[in-house]
Amino acid sequence: MNVLAIALSVALSLMLVGCGDESSSDESDSSYKMMDEMTTVSELPSFLGEGLSPEEKEELMSQILPSGTDNGVDVGEKFNELFERANAGDPKSQTELGVMYYTGEAVSKSLSGQVLDNDPALAAGWFYRAAEQGYADAQFNLGLMYANGEGIEQDTVQAVELFKKAAEQGNIDAQNNLGALYYTGEGVERNVDIAIEWFERAAALGSVDARANLEAIKSAGQ
């Protein structure tokens, strides 16, 4: 399973908490927003550096450009390789590229030219391309964005459909989230029995969140 997609899911996955609490309540620190053009560059764009001292340019560069390495691979190099494969239609690369835009590891610009810290709308676009090909991690990530209304308009019905597709392929986070939505009745008719079935499937595959949800339901006497 795509490691980057899993990293994304950890911060955003839905989870039931507390005994008998029927609300979905995972609070994330993530508050991430289709832009026309994107770029990962190795130097500060000239229009951004106008009037800045060398020190100020260096500070700005550290804020907006990819930095560091990923397992020995330069982030800019990683982006270029992913972008080439993603454009060629590879769903795994499309998903990983979407994660880069979601987290801000890749730089993008708004229609007005404003550099964005991250770009959920562009991420959603790449997730969509991969999800259309049946790629489970992309279906899960796009489902999260529909569930949270990030980058695209909130639509829990669409979230449920995408989670189902990913869950049926064995994505444990999608299974857990699908159970949560069946339990709360968001985007689908509430059905505790079906919720438990999905939690049990995810728990059997090692989902800690799903186990916690089953314990919460058990404590509530359901």
N, C-alpha and C. Protein backbone atom coordinates (compact mmCIF):
# COMPACT_ATOMS: atom_id res chain seq x y z
N MET A 1 0.84 -1.20 0.00
CA MET A 1 0.00 0.00 0.00
C MET A 1 0.87 1.25 0.00
N ASN A 2 0.43 2.25 -0.68
CA ASN A 2 1.19 3.49 -0.82
C ASN A 2 1.50 4.13 0.53
N VAL A 3 2.78 4.22 0.87
CA VAL A 3 3.18 4.76 2.17
C VAL A 3 2.76 6.21 2.32
N LEU A 4 2.89 6.99 1.26
CA LEU A 4 2.50 8.40 1.34
C LEU A 4 1.01 8.55 1.61
N ALA A 5 0.22 7.70 0.97
CA ALA A 5 -1.22 7.77 1.20
C ALA A 5 -1.56 7.41 2.63
N ILE A 6 -0.84 6.45 3.18
CA ILE A 6 -1.07 6.09 4.58
C ILE A 6 -0.73 7.25 5.50
N ALA A 7 0.34 7.94 5.20
CA ALA A 7 0.70 9.10 6.01
C ALA A 7 -0.40 10.13 5.99
N LEU A 8 -1.02 10.29 4.85
CA LEU A 8 -2.11 11.24 4.73
C LEU A 8 -3.32 10.78 5.53
N SER A 9 -3.58 9.48 5.49
CA SER A 9 -4.78 8.97 6.15
C SER A 9 -4.69 9.08 7.66
N VAL A 10 -3.52 8.95 8.21
CA VAL A 10 -3.36 8.97 9.67
C VAL A 10 -3.89 10.28 10.26
N ALA A 11 -3.64 11.37 9.58
CA ALA A 11 -4.05 12.66 10.11
C ALA A 11 -5.53 12.94 9.93
N LEU A 12 -6.16 12.28 8.96
CA LEU A 12 -7.50 12.71 8.57
C LEU A 12 -8.58 11.67 8.75
N SER A 13 -8.23 10.42 9.04
CA SER A 13 -9.26 9.40 9.06
C SER A 13 -10.28 9.64 10.16
N LEU A 14 -11.53 9.30 9.84
CA LEU A 14 -12.62 9.47 10.79
C LEU A 14 -12.53 8.40 11.87
N MET A 15 -12.97 8.75 13.07
CA MET A 15 -12.95 7.74 14.13
C MET A 15 -13.99 8.08 15.18
N LEU A 16 -14.66 7.05 15.70
CA LEU A 16 -15.60 7.23 16.80
C LEU A 16 -14.82 7.27 18.10
N VAL A 17 -15.21 8.16 19.01
CA VAL A 17 -14.51 8.23 20.28
C VAL A 17 -15.50 8.24 21.43
N GLY A 18 -15.05 7.74 22.57
CA GLY A 18 -15.89 7.78 23.77
C GLY A 18 -16.93 6.68 23.78
N CYS A 19 -17.45 6.42 24.93
CA CYS A 19 -18.44 5.37 25.08
C CYS A 19 -19.81 5.89 24.68
N GLY A 20 -20.38 5.28 23.67
CA GLY A 20 -21.72 5.66 23.26
C GLY A 20 -21.78 6.94 22.46
N ASP A 21 -20.66 7.53 22.13
CA ASP A 21 -20.63 8.75 21.33
C ASP A 21 -20.87 8.38 19.89
N GLU A 22 -21.94 8.90 19.28
CA GLU A 22 -22.29 8.52 17.94
C GLU A 22 -21.79 9.53 16.91
N SER A 23 -20.94 10.41 17.32
CA SER A 23 -20.44 11.40 16.37
C SER A 23 -19.06 11.02 15.89
N SER A 24 -18.73 11.48 14.69
CA SER A 24 -17.39 11.28 14.15
C SER A 24 -16.56 12.46 14.53
N SER A 25 -15.41 12.26 15.21
CA SER A 25 -14.81 13.43 15.84
C SER A 25 -13.30 13.50 15.80
N ASP A 26 -12.66 12.91 14.83
CA ASP A 26 -11.21 13.07 14.77
C ASP A 26 -10.89 14.49 14.37
N GLU A 27 -10.27 15.27 15.25
CA GLU A 27 -9.93 16.64 14.94
C GLU A 27 -8.52 16.67 14.41
N SER A 28 -8.36 17.19 13.21
CA SER A 28 -7.05 17.23 12.58
C SER A 28 -6.51 18.63 12.58
N ASP A 29 -5.19 18.76 12.67
CA ASP A 29 -4.56 20.06 12.55
C ASP A 29 -4.45 20.47 11.09
N SER A 30 -4.87 19.57 10.17
CA SER A 30 -4.75 19.85 8.75
C SER A 30 -5.84 20.82 8.32
N SER A 31 -5.47 21.90 7.61
CA SER A 31 -6.44 22.82 7.04
C SER A 31 -5.92 23.22 5.67
N TYR A 32 -5.94 22.28 4.82
CA TYR A 32 -5.31 22.43 3.53
C TYR A 32 -6.33 22.91 2.46
N LYS A 33 -6.35 23.83 -0.21
CA LYS A 33 -7.50 24.42 -1.00
C LYS A 33 -7.59 23.83 -2.32
N MET A 34 -9.24 24.46 -8.98
CA MET A 34 -8.09 23.65 -9.46
C MET A 34 -7.25 24.75 -9.97
N MET A 35 -6.02 24.70 -9.38
CA MET A 35 -5.14 25.76 -9.80
C MET A 35 -4.60 25.41 -11.18
N ASP A 36 -4.21 26.47 -11.91
CA ASP A 36 -3.86 26.26 -13.30
C ASP A 36 -2.48 25.66 -13.50
N GLU A 37 -1.50 26.10 -12.75
CA GLU A 37 -0.13 25.71 -13.04
C GLU A 37 0.61 25.39 -11.75
N MET A 38 1.56 24.49 -11.87
CA MET A 38 2.32 24.10 -10.70
C MET A 38 3.78 24.03 -11.06
N THR A 39 4.63 24.21 -10.06
CA THR A 39 6.05 24.14 -10.37
C THR A 39 6.84 23.79 -9.12
N THR A 40 7.85 22.98 -9.32
CA THR A 40 8.87 22.78 -8.31
C THR A 40 10.15 23.31 -8.90
N VAL A 41 10.75 24.28 -8.26
CA VAL A 41 11.89 24.98 -8.84
C VAL A 41 13.10 24.84 -7.94
N SER A 42 14.27 25.06 -8.53
CA SER A 42 15.51 24.95 -7.77
C SER A 42 16.05 26.30 -7.34
N GLU A 43 15.39 27.37 -7.78
CA GLU A 43 15.79 28.70 -7.35
C GLU A 43 14.55 29.57 -7.19
N LEU A 44 14.70 30.65 -6.45
CA LEU A 44 13.57 31.52 -6.16
C LEU A 44 13.12 32.25 -7.43
N PRO A 45 11.83 32.19 -7.78
CA PRO A 45 11.35 32.93 -8.95
C PRO A 45 11.69 34.41 -8.83
N SER A 46 12.09 35.01 -9.93
CA SER A 46 12.57 36.39 -9.89
C SER A 46 11.53 37.37 -9.37
N PHE A 47 10.25 37.14 -9.73
CA PHE A 47 9.24 38.11 -9.31
C PHE A 47 9.02 38.10 -7.80
N LEU A 48 9.43 36.99 -7.15
CA LEU A 48 9.28 36.92 -5.69
C LEU A 48 10.46 37.57 -4.98
N GLY A 49 11.60 37.65 -5.65
CA GLY A 49 12.80 38.16 -4.98
C GLY A 49 13.04 39.64 -5.15
N GLU A 50 12.16 40.31 -5.88
CA GLU A 50 12.37 41.73 -6.12
C GLU A 50 12.38 42.53 -4.82
N GLY A 51 13.45 43.30 -4.61
CA GLY A 51 13.53 44.18 -3.45
C GLY A 51 13.95 43.50 -2.17
N LEU A 52 14.26 42.21 -2.22
CA LEU A 52 14.64 41.49 -1.01
C LEU A 52 16.16 41.38 -0.90
N SER A 53 16.65 41.41 0.32
CA SER A 53 18.07 41.20 0.56
C SER A 53 18.38 39.72 0.38
N PRO A 54 19.67 39.36 0.24
CA PRO A 54 20.04 37.94 0.11
C PRO A 54 19.52 37.10 1.26
N GLU A 55 19.57 37.67 2.47
CA GLU A 55 19.08 36.93 3.64
C GLU A 55 17.58 36.70 3.56
N GLU A 56 16.86 37.75 3.13
CA GLU A 56 15.41 37.63 3.01
C GLU A 56 15.02 36.64 1.92
N LYS A 57 15.79 36.64 0.81
CA LYS A 57 15.52 35.69 -0.25
C LYS A 57 15.73 34.25 0.24
N GLU A 58 16.79 34.07 1.02
CA GLU A 58 17.08 32.73 1.54
C GLU A 58 15.96 32.26 2.47
N GLU A 59 15.46 33.18 3.29
CA GLU A 59 14.37 32.84 4.20
C GLU A 59 13.10 32.48 3.43
N LEU A 60 12.80 33.29 2.42
CA LEU A 60 11.61 33.02 1.60
C LEU A 60 11.75 31.69 0.88
N MET A 61 12.94 31.42 0.36
CA MET A 61 13.19 30.17 -0.34
C MET A 61 12.96 28.97 0.57
N SER A 62 13.37 29.08 1.80
CA SER A 62 13.20 27.97 2.75
C SER A 62 11.75 27.71 3.05
N GLN A 63 10.89 28.73 2.85
CA GLN A 63 9.47 28.59 3.15
C GLN A 63 8.67 28.00 2.00
N ILE A 64 9.09 28.26 0.77
CA ILE A 64 8.23 27.88 -0.36
C ILE A 64 8.80 26.80 -1.27
N LEU A 65 10.08 26.48 -1.16
CA LEU A 65 10.66 25.49 -2.06
C LEU A 65 10.84 24.15 -1.39
N PRO A 66 10.72 23.05 -2.15
CA PRO A 66 10.99 21.72 -1.59
C PRO A 66 12.40 21.69 -1.05
N SER A 67 12.58 21.03 0.05
CA SER A 67 13.91 20.97 0.65
C SER A 67 14.21 19.57 1.14
N GLY A 68 15.48 19.31 1.39
CA GLY A 68 15.86 18.02 1.97
C GLY A 68 15.81 16.90 0.96
N THR A 69 15.89 15.69 1.49
CA THR A 69 15.88 14.51 0.64
C THR A 69 14.89 13.51 1.20
N ASP A 70 14.49 12.61 0.36
CA ASP A 70 13.59 11.53 0.75
C ASP A 70 14.28 10.22 0.43
N ASN A 71 14.83 9.57 1.46
CA ASN A 71 15.61 8.34 1.28
C ASN A 71 16.72 8.55 0.26
N GLY A 72 17.39 9.70 0.38
CA GLY A 72 18.52 9.97 -0.50
C GLY A 72 18.15 10.57 -1.84
N VAL A 73 16.86 10.75 -2.12
CA VAL A 73 16.41 11.32 -3.39
C VAL A 73 16.01 12.77 -3.18
N ASP A 74 16.58 13.67 -3.96
CA ASP A 74 16.22 15.07 -3.88
C ASP A 74 14.74 15.24 -4.18
N VAL A 75 14.06 16.12 -3.40
CA VAL A 75 12.62 16.28 -3.55
C VAL A 75 12.25 16.78 -4.95
N GLY A 76 13.06 17.71 -5.48
CA GLY A 76 12.79 18.20 -6.83
C GLY A 76 12.90 17.11 -7.86
N GLU A 77 13.90 16.25 -7.71
CA GLU A 77 14.08 15.12 -8.62
C GLU A 77 12.92 14.14 -8.49
N LYS A 78 12.52 13.90 -7.25
CA LYS A 78 11.39 13.02 -6.99
C LYS A 78 10.13 13.54 -7.67
N PHE A 79 9.89 14.85 -7.54
CA PHE A 79 8.72 15.46 -8.15
C PHE A 79 8.73 15.27 -9.66
N ASN A 80 9.85 15.57 -10.29
CA ASN A 80 9.94 15.49 -11.75
C ASN A 80 9.68 14.07 -12.24
N GLU A 81 10.22 13.09 -11.53
CA GLU A 81 10.01 11.70 -11.91
C GLU A 81 8.55 11.30 -11.75
N LEU A 82 7.96 11.71 -10.63
CA LEU A 82 6.56 11.39 -10.38
C LEU A 82 5.66 12.07 -11.41
N PHE A 83 5.95 13.34 -11.71
CA PHE A 83 5.13 14.10 -12.63
C PHE A 83 5.13 13.45 -14.02
N GLU A 84 6.29 12.98 -14.44
CA GLU A 84 6.40 12.33 -15.76
C GLU A 84 5.58 11.04 -15.80
N ARG A 85 5.71 10.23 -14.75
CA ARG A 85 4.96 8.97 -14.71
C ARG A 85 3.46 9.23 -14.53
N ALA A 86 3.12 10.23 -13.72
CA ALA A 86 1.71 10.55 -13.49
C ALA A 86 1.05 11.02 -14.78
N ASN A 87 1.74 11.87 -15.53
CA ASN A 87 1.20 12.34 -16.81
C ASN A 87 1.01 11.20 -17.80
N ALA A 88 1.84 10.16 -17.65
CA ALA A 88 1.74 9.00 -18.53
C ALA A 88 0.60 8.08 -18.10
N GLY A 89 -0.02 8.38 -16.96
CA GLY A 89 -1.19 7.62 -16.52
C GLY A 89 -0.97 6.62 -15.41
N ASP A 90 0.20 6.62 -14.78
CA ASP A 90 0.46 5.66 -13.70
C ASP A 90 -0.29 6.08 -12.44
N PRO A 91 -1.25 5.28 -11.96
CA PRO A 91 -2.08 5.69 -10.82
C PRO A 91 -1.32 5.83 -9.51
N LYS A 92 -0.31 5.00 -9.29
CA LYS A 92 0.47 5.11 -8.06
C LYS A 92 1.21 6.45 -8.03
N SER A 93 1.82 6.82 -9.15
CA SER A 93 2.52 8.09 -9.23
C SER A 93 1.56 9.26 -9.11
N GLN A 94 0.38 9.15 -9.70
CA GLN A 94 -0.63 10.20 -9.58
C GLN A 94 -1.03 10.40 -8.12
N THR A 95 -1.15 9.29 -7.40
CA THR A 95 -1.51 9.37 -5.98
C THR A 95 -0.39 10.00 -5.16
N GLU A 96 0.83 9.58 -5.40
CA GLU A 96 1.96 10.14 -4.66
C GLU A 96 2.14 11.62 -4.97
N LEU A 97 1.90 11.99 -6.22
CA LEU A 97 2.00 13.40 -6.60
C LEU A 97 0.92 14.21 -5.88
N GLY A 98 -0.28 13.65 -5.81
CA GLY A 98 -1.36 14.31 -5.08
C GLY A 98 -1.00 14.54 -3.62
N VAL A 99 -0.34 13.56 -3.02
CA VAL A 99 0.09 13.70 -1.63
C VAL A 99 1.11 14.82 -1.48
N MET A 100 2.01 14.95 -2.46
CA MET A 100 3.01 16.01 -2.40
C MET A 100 2.35 17.39 -2.43
N TYR A 101 1.32 17.53 -3.25
CA TYR A 101 0.61 18.82 -3.30
C TYR A 101 -0.22 19.04 -2.03
N TYR A 102 -0.78 17.97 -1.51
CA TYR A 102 -1.60 18.09 -0.30
C TYR A 102 -0.76 18.53 0.90
N THR A 103 0.41 17.95 1.03
CA THR A 103 1.26 18.24 2.18
C THR A 103 2.11 19.49 2.00
N GLY A 104 2.20 19.99 0.77
CA GLY A 104 3.04 21.15 0.52
C GLY A 104 4.46 20.80 0.16
N GLU A 105 4.74 19.51 -0.04
CA GLU A 105 6.09 19.10 -0.42
C GLU A 105 6.41 19.59 -1.83
N ALA A 106 5.36 19.72 -2.67
CA ALA A 106 5.50 20.31 -3.99
C ALA A 106 4.84 21.69 -3.99
N VAL A 107 5.41 22.63 -4.70
CA VAL A 107 4.93 24.00 -4.72
C VAL A 107 3.94 24.18 -5.86
N SER A 108 2.87 24.93 -5.61
CA SER A 108 1.93 25.28 -6.66
C SER A 108 1.58 26.76 -6.55
N LYS A 109 0.93 27.28 -7.58
CA LYS A 109 0.54 28.69 -7.60
C LYS A 109 -0.94 28.81 -7.92
N SER A 110 -1.59 29.85 -7.39
CA SER A 110 -2.97 30.12 -7.69
C SER A 110 -3.06 30.76 -9.07
N LEU A 111 -4.29 30.99 -9.55
CA LEU A 111 -4.49 31.62 -10.85
C LEU A 111 -3.88 33.02 -10.89
N SER A 112 -3.83 33.66 -9.73
CA SER A 112 -3.27 35.01 -9.65
C SER A 112 -1.75 35.00 -9.50
N GLY A 113 -1.16 33.80 -9.40
CA GLY A 113 0.29 33.70 -9.27
C GLY A 113 0.78 33.58 -7.85
N GLN A 114 -0.14 33.54 -6.89
CA GLN A 114 0.26 33.43 -5.48
C GLN A 114 0.80 32.04 -5.19
N VAL A 115 1.96 31.99 -4.54
CA VAL A 115 2.53 30.70 -4.16
C VAL A 115 1.76 30.15 -2.97
N LEU A 116 1.34 28.88 -3.07
CA LEU A 116 0.53 28.26 -2.03
C LEU A 116 1.39 27.34 -1.16
N ASP A 117 1.11 27.35 0.14
CA ASP A 117 1.81 26.44 1.04
C ASP A 117 1.46 24.99 0.72
N ASN A 118 0.23 24.77 0.33
CA ASN A 118 -0.21 23.46 -0.11
C ASN A 118 -1.42 23.67 -1.02
N ASP A 119 -1.83 22.63 -1.71
CA ASP A 119 -2.88 22.79 -2.71
C ASP A 119 -3.80 21.57 -2.74
N PRO A 120 -4.78 21.52 -1.85
CA PRO A 120 -5.70 20.38 -1.80
C PRO A 120 -6.49 20.20 -3.09
N ALA A 121 -6.84 21.31 -3.77
CA ALA A 121 -7.61 21.19 -5.00
C ALA A 121 -6.82 20.45 -6.07
N LEU A 122 -5.57 20.79 -6.21
CA LEU A 122 -4.71 20.12 -7.18
C LEU A 122 -4.47 18.67 -6.76
N ALA A 123 -4.31 18.46 -5.46
CA ALA A 123 -4.15 17.10 -4.94
C ALA A 123 -5.38 16.26 -5.29
N ALA A 124 -6.56 16.83 -5.09
CA ALA A 124 -7.81 16.12 -5.38
C ALA A 124 -7.88 15.75 -6.85
N GLY A 125 -7.39 16.64 -7.73
CA GLY A 125 -7.40 16.36 -9.15
C GLY A 125 -6.57 15.14 -9.50
N TRP A 126 -5.38 15.03 -8.89
CA TRP A 126 -4.54 13.86 -9.14
C TRP A 126 -5.13 12.61 -8.52
N PHE A 127 -5.69 12.73 -7.31
CA PHE A 127 -6.34 11.58 -6.68
C PHE A 127 -7.48 11.08 -7.57
N TYR A 128 -8.24 12.02 -8.15
CA TYR A 128 -9.37 11.66 -8.99
C TYR A 128 -8.91 10.84 -10.20
N ARG A 129 -7.82 11.28 -10.84
CA ARG A 129 -7.32 10.56 -12.02
C ARG A 129 -6.93 9.13 -11.66
N ALA A 130 -6.31 8.95 -10.50
CA ALA A 130 -5.92 7.61 -10.08
C ALA A 130 -7.12 6.79 -9.61
N ALA A 131 -8.05 7.44 -8.93
CA ALA A 131 -9.25 6.76 -8.42
C ALA A 131 -10.09 6.22 -9.57
N GLU A 132 -10.15 6.97 -10.67
CA GLU A 132 -10.90 6.53 -11.85
C GLU A 132 -10.34 5.25 -12.44
N GLN A 133 -9.08 4.99 -12.15
CA GLN A 133 -8.44 3.77 -12.63
C GLN A 133 -8.58 2.62 -11.63
N GLY A 134 -9.30 2.88 -10.54
CA GLY A 134 -9.55 1.84 -9.55
C GLY A 134 -8.46 1.69 -8.51
N TYR A 135 -7.59 2.70 -8.37
CA TYR A 135 -6.48 2.60 -7.42
C TYR A 135 -7.00 2.89 -6.01
N ALA A 136 -6.91 1.92 -5.14
CA ALA A 136 -7.56 1.99 -3.83
C ALA A 136 -7.08 3.15 -2.97
N ASP A 137 -5.76 3.39 -2.91
CA ASP A 137 -5.25 4.47 -2.07
C ASP A 137 -5.79 5.83 -2.52
N ALA A 138 -5.90 6.01 -3.84
CA ALA A 138 -6.43 7.26 -4.37
C ALA A 138 -7.92 7.38 -4.07
N GLN A 139 -8.64 6.29 -4.16
CA GLN A 139 -10.06 6.31 -3.82
C GLN A 139 -10.25 6.70 -2.35
N PHE A 140 -9.40 6.15 -1.51
CA PHE A 140 -9.48 6.49 -0.09
C PHE A 140 -9.16 7.97 0.15
N ASN A 141 -8.06 8.45 -0.44
CA ASN A 141 -7.67 9.84 -0.24
C ASN A 141 -8.72 10.81 -0.77
N LEU A 142 -9.27 10.51 -1.95
CA LEU A 142 -10.31 11.38 -2.51
C LEU A 142 -11.56 11.32 -1.64
N GLY A 143 -11.85 10.13 -1.11
CA GLY A 143 -12.99 10.01 -0.19
C GLY A 143 -12.82 10.89 1.04
N LEU A 144 -11.59 10.96 1.58
CA LEU A 144 -11.31 11.82 2.72
C LEU A 144 -11.56 13.28 2.37
N MET A 145 -11.16 13.68 1.18
CA MET A 145 -11.31 15.07 0.79
C MET A 145 -12.79 15.42 0.60
N TYR A 146 -13.58 14.47 0.07
CA TYR A 146 -15.02 14.69 0.00
C TYR A 146 -15.64 14.73 1.40
N ALA A 147 -15.18 13.86 2.28
CA ALA A 147 -15.74 13.81 3.63
C ALA A 147 -15.45 15.10 4.40
N ASN A 148 -14.26 15.66 4.19
CA ASN A 148 -13.85 16.85 4.93
C ASN A 148 -14.08 18.15 4.17
N GLY A 149 -14.45 18.06 2.90
CA GLY A 149 -14.65 19.27 2.11
C GLY A 149 -13.36 20.01 1.87
N GLU A 150 -12.28 19.29 1.60
CA GLU A 150 -10.97 19.91 1.36
C GLU A 150 -10.63 19.85 -0.12
N GLY A 151 -10.47 21.02 -0.73
CA GLY A 151 -10.11 21.08 -2.14
C GLY A 151 -11.30 20.89 -3.07
N ILE A 152 -12.35 20.25 -2.58
CA ILE A 152 -13.58 20.03 -3.32
C ILE A 152 -14.74 20.20 -2.35
N GLU A 153 -15.94 20.39 -2.91
CA GLU A 153 -17.11 20.61 -2.06
C GLU A 153 -17.42 19.35 -1.25
N GLN A 154 -17.73 19.53 0.01
CA GLN A 154 -18.02 18.39 0.89
C GLN A 154 -19.20 17.59 0.35
N ASP A 155 -19.05 16.29 0.30
CA ASP A 155 -20.10 15.41 -0.21
C ASP A 155 -19.89 14.04 0.42
N THR A 156 -20.59 13.78 1.51
CA THR A 156 -20.39 12.52 2.23
C THR A 156 -20.93 11.32 1.45
N VAL A 157 -21.89 11.55 0.56
CA VAL A 157 -22.39 10.44 -0.28
C VAL A 157 -21.28 9.95 -1.19
N GLN A 158 -20.57 10.90 -1.81
CA GLN A 158 -19.43 10.53 -2.64
C GLN A 158 -18.32 9.89 -1.81
N ALA A 159 -18.13 10.40 -0.59
CA ALA A 159 -17.12 9.84 0.30
C ALA A 159 -17.42 8.36 0.58
N VAL A 160 -18.68 8.08 0.87
CA VAL A 160 -19.09 6.70 1.14
C VAL A 160 -18.79 5.80 -0.05
N GLU A 161 -19.15 6.26 -1.25
CA GLU A 161 -18.94 5.45 -2.45
C GLU A 161 -17.45 5.16 -2.68
N LEU A 162 -16.62 6.17 -2.47
CA LEU A 162 -15.19 5.99 -2.67
C LEU A 162 -14.58 5.09 -1.59
N PHE A 163 -15.03 5.27 -0.34
CA PHE A 163 -14.55 4.40 0.73
C PHE A 163 -14.94 2.95 0.47
N LYS A 164 -16.17 2.74 -0.07
CA LYS A 164 -16.61 1.38 -0.38
C LYS A 164 -15.68 0.73 -1.40
N LYS A 165 -15.37 1.47 -2.46
CA LYS A 165 -14.51 0.93 -3.51
C LYS A 165 -13.13 0.56 -2.97
N ALA A 166 -12.58 1.45 -2.13
CA ALA A 166 -11.26 1.17 -1.55
C ALA A 166 -11.34 0.06 -0.51
N ALA A 167 -12.40 0.07 0.29
CA ALA A 167 -12.56 -0.94 1.34
C ALA A 167 -12.68 -2.33 0.76
N GLU A 168 -13.40 -2.45 -0.35
CA GLU A 168 -13.58 -3.75 -0.98
C GLU A 168 -12.28 -4.29 -1.56
N GLN A 169 -11.30 -3.41 -1.73
CA GLN A 169 -9.98 -3.84 -2.20
C GLN A 169 -9.02 -4.10 -1.03
N GLY A 170 -9.53 -3.97 0.20
CA GLY A 170 -8.73 -4.29 1.37
C GLY A 170 -8.04 -3.12 2.03
N ASN A 171 -8.39 -1.88 1.68
CA ASN A 171 -7.80 -0.71 2.33
C ASN A 171 -8.41 -0.58 3.73
N ILE A 172 -7.60 -0.81 4.76
CA ILE A 172 -8.15 -0.89 6.12
C ILE A 172 -8.63 0.47 6.63
N ASP A 173 -7.99 1.56 6.20
CA ASP A 173 -8.44 2.87 6.64
C ASP A 173 -9.80 3.20 6.03
N ALA A 174 -10.00 2.79 4.78
CA ALA A 174 -11.29 2.98 4.14
C ALA A 174 -12.35 2.13 4.83
N GLN A 175 -11.98 0.92 5.22
CA GLN A 175 -12.92 0.06 5.93
C GLN A 175 -13.35 0.69 7.25
N ASN A 176 -12.38 1.24 7.98
CA ASN A 176 -12.69 1.90 9.25
C ASN A 176 -13.57 3.13 9.04
N ASN A 177 -13.23 3.96 8.06
CA ASN A 177 -14.01 5.16 7.80
C ASN A 177 -15.41 4.82 7.33
N LEU A 178 -15.52 3.78 6.52
CA LEU A 178 -16.84 3.35 6.05
C LEU A 178 -17.68 2.89 7.23
N GLY A 179 -17.05 2.17 8.15
CA GLY A 179 -17.77 1.78 9.36
C GLY A 179 -18.23 2.98 10.15
N ALA A 180 -17.38 4.01 10.24
CA ALA A 180 -17.74 5.21 10.99
C ALA A 180 -18.92 5.92 10.36
N LEU A 181 -18.95 5.99 9.03
CA LEU A 181 -20.05 6.68 8.35
C LEU A 181 -21.35 5.88 8.45
N TYR A 182 -21.26 4.55 8.40
CA TYR A 182 -22.46 3.74 8.62
C TYR A 182 -22.96 3.90 10.05
N TYR A 183 -22.03 4.04 10.98
CA TYR A 183 -22.43 4.18 12.38
C TYR A 183 -23.11 5.52 12.64
N THR A 184 -22.60 6.57 12.04
CA THR A 184 -23.17 7.91 12.27
C THR A 184 -24.32 8.21 11.31
N GLY A 185 -24.41 7.47 10.21
CA GLY A 185 -25.47 7.74 9.24
C GLY A 185 -25.17 8.93 8.37
N GLU A 186 -23.90 9.23 8.16
CA GLU A 186 -23.51 10.35 7.29
C GLU A 186 -23.24 9.84 5.88
N GLY A 187 -24.03 10.34 4.94
CA GLY A 187 -23.85 9.94 3.55
C GLY A 187 -24.45 8.60 3.20
N VAL A 188 -25.03 7.94 4.19
CA VAL A 188 -25.62 6.62 3.99
C VAL A 188 -26.61 6.37 5.12
N GLU A 189 -27.60 5.51 4.88
CA GLU A 189 -28.57 5.21 5.94
C GLU A 189 -27.86 4.52 7.10
N ARG A 190 -28.13 5.00 8.32
CA ARG A 190 -27.42 4.47 9.48
C ARG A 190 -27.72 2.99 9.67
N ASN A 191 -26.66 2.22 9.88
CA ASN A 191 -26.80 0.79 10.08
C ASN A 191 -25.64 0.32 10.95
N VAL A 192 -25.91 0.11 12.23
CA VAL A 192 -24.86 -0.26 13.18
C VAL A 192 -24.27 -1.62 12.86
N ASP A 193 -25.12 -2.55 12.39
CA ASP A 193 -24.63 -3.90 12.08
C ASP A 193 -23.60 -3.86 10.95
N ILE A 194 -23.89 -3.08 9.91
CA ILE A 194 -22.94 -2.97 8.80
C ILE A 194 -21.67 -2.25 9.26
N ALA A 195 -21.86 -1.24 10.13
CA ALA A 195 -20.71 -0.53 10.68
C ALA A 195 -19.78 -1.49 11.40
N ILE A 196 -20.37 -2.35 12.23
CA ILE A 196 -19.58 -3.32 12.99
C ILE A 196 -18.85 -4.29 12.05
N GLU A 197 -19.53 -4.69 10.97
CA GLU A 197 -18.90 -5.60 10.01
C GLU A 197 -17.64 -4.99 9.42
N TRP A 198 -17.72 -3.70 9.05
CA TRP A 198 -16.56 -3.05 8.45
C TRP A 198 -15.46 -2.81 9.49
N PHE A 199 -15.86 -2.48 10.72
CA PHE A 199 -14.87 -2.31 11.79
C PHE A 199 -14.15 -3.64 12.04
N GLU A 200 -14.90 -4.73 12.04
CA GLU A 200 -14.31 -6.04 12.29
C GLU A 200 -13.34 -6.43 11.19
N ARG A 201 -13.70 -6.11 9.94
CA ARG A 201 -12.81 -6.42 8.82
C ARG A 201 -11.50 -5.63 8.94
N ALA A 202 -11.63 -4.35 9.30
CA ALA A 202 -10.44 -3.52 9.44
C ALA A 202 -9.60 -3.96 10.63
N ALA A 203 -10.27 -4.29 11.74
CA ALA A 203 -9.56 -4.72 12.94
C ALA A 203 -8.80 -6.02 12.68
N ALA A 204 -9.40 -6.92 11.92
CA ALA A 204 -8.76 -8.19 11.61
C ALA A 204 -7.49 -8.00 10.80
N LEU A 205 -7.43 -6.86 10.09
CA LEU A 205 -6.24 -6.56 9.29
C LEU A 205 -5.24 -5.68 10.04
N GLY A 206 -5.57 -5.40 11.32
CA GLY A 206 -4.61 -4.68 12.15
C GLY A 206 -4.92 -3.23 12.44
N SER A 207 -6.12 -2.75 12.11
CA SER A 207 -6.46 -1.35 12.36
C SER A 207 -6.72 -1.09 13.84
N VAL A 208 -5.88 -0.26 14.44
CA VAL A 208 -6.05 0.11 15.85
C VAL A 208 -7.31 0.95 16.02
N ASP A 209 -7.56 1.86 15.08
CA ASP A 209 -8.75 2.71 15.16
C ASP A 209 -10.02 1.86 15.13
N ALA A 210 -10.05 0.86 14.26
CA ALA A 210 -11.23 0.01 14.16
C ALA A 210 -11.46 -0.77 15.45
N ARG A 211 -10.38 -1.24 16.06
CA ARG A 211 -10.52 -1.94 17.34
C ARG A 211 -11.10 -1.00 18.40
N ALA A 212 -10.61 0.24 18.41
CA ALA A 212 -11.12 1.21 19.38
C ALA A 212 -12.60 1.50 19.14
N ASN A 213 -12.99 1.55 17.88
CA ASN A 213 -14.40 1.80 17.56
C ASN A 213 -15.27 0.63 18.01
N LEU A 214 -14.79 -0.58 17.83
CA LEU A 214 -15.55 -1.75 18.28
C LEU A 214 -15.70 -1.75 19.80
N GLU A 215 -14.62 -1.35 20.48
CA GLU A 215 -14.70 -1.27 21.94
C GLU A 215 -15.70 -0.20 22.38
N ALA A 216 -15.73 0.92 21.67
CA ALA A 216 -16.66 2.00 22.01
C ALA A 216 -18.11 1.54 21.83
N ILE A 217 -18.35 0.80 20.74
CA ILE A 217 -19.70 0.28 20.49
C ILE A 217 -20.08 -0.75 21.54
N LYS A 218 -19.12 -1.61 21.87
CA LYS A 218 -19.37 -2.63 22.90
C LYS A 218 -19.68 -1.98 24.24
N SER A 219 -18.93 -0.95 24.59
CA SER A 219 -19.16 -0.25 25.86
C SER A 219 -20.51 0.44 25.89
N ALA A 220 -20.99 0.83 24.71
CA ALA A 220 -22.29 1.48 24.62
C ALA A 220 -23.43 0.46 24.63
N GLY A 221 -23.07 -0.83 24.63
CA GLY A 221 -24.09 -1.87 24.71
C GLY A 221 -24.79 -2.12 23.41
N GLN A 222 -24.11 -1.86 22.29
CA GLN A 222 -24.74 -2.06 20.98
C GLN A 222 -24.15 -3.26 20.27
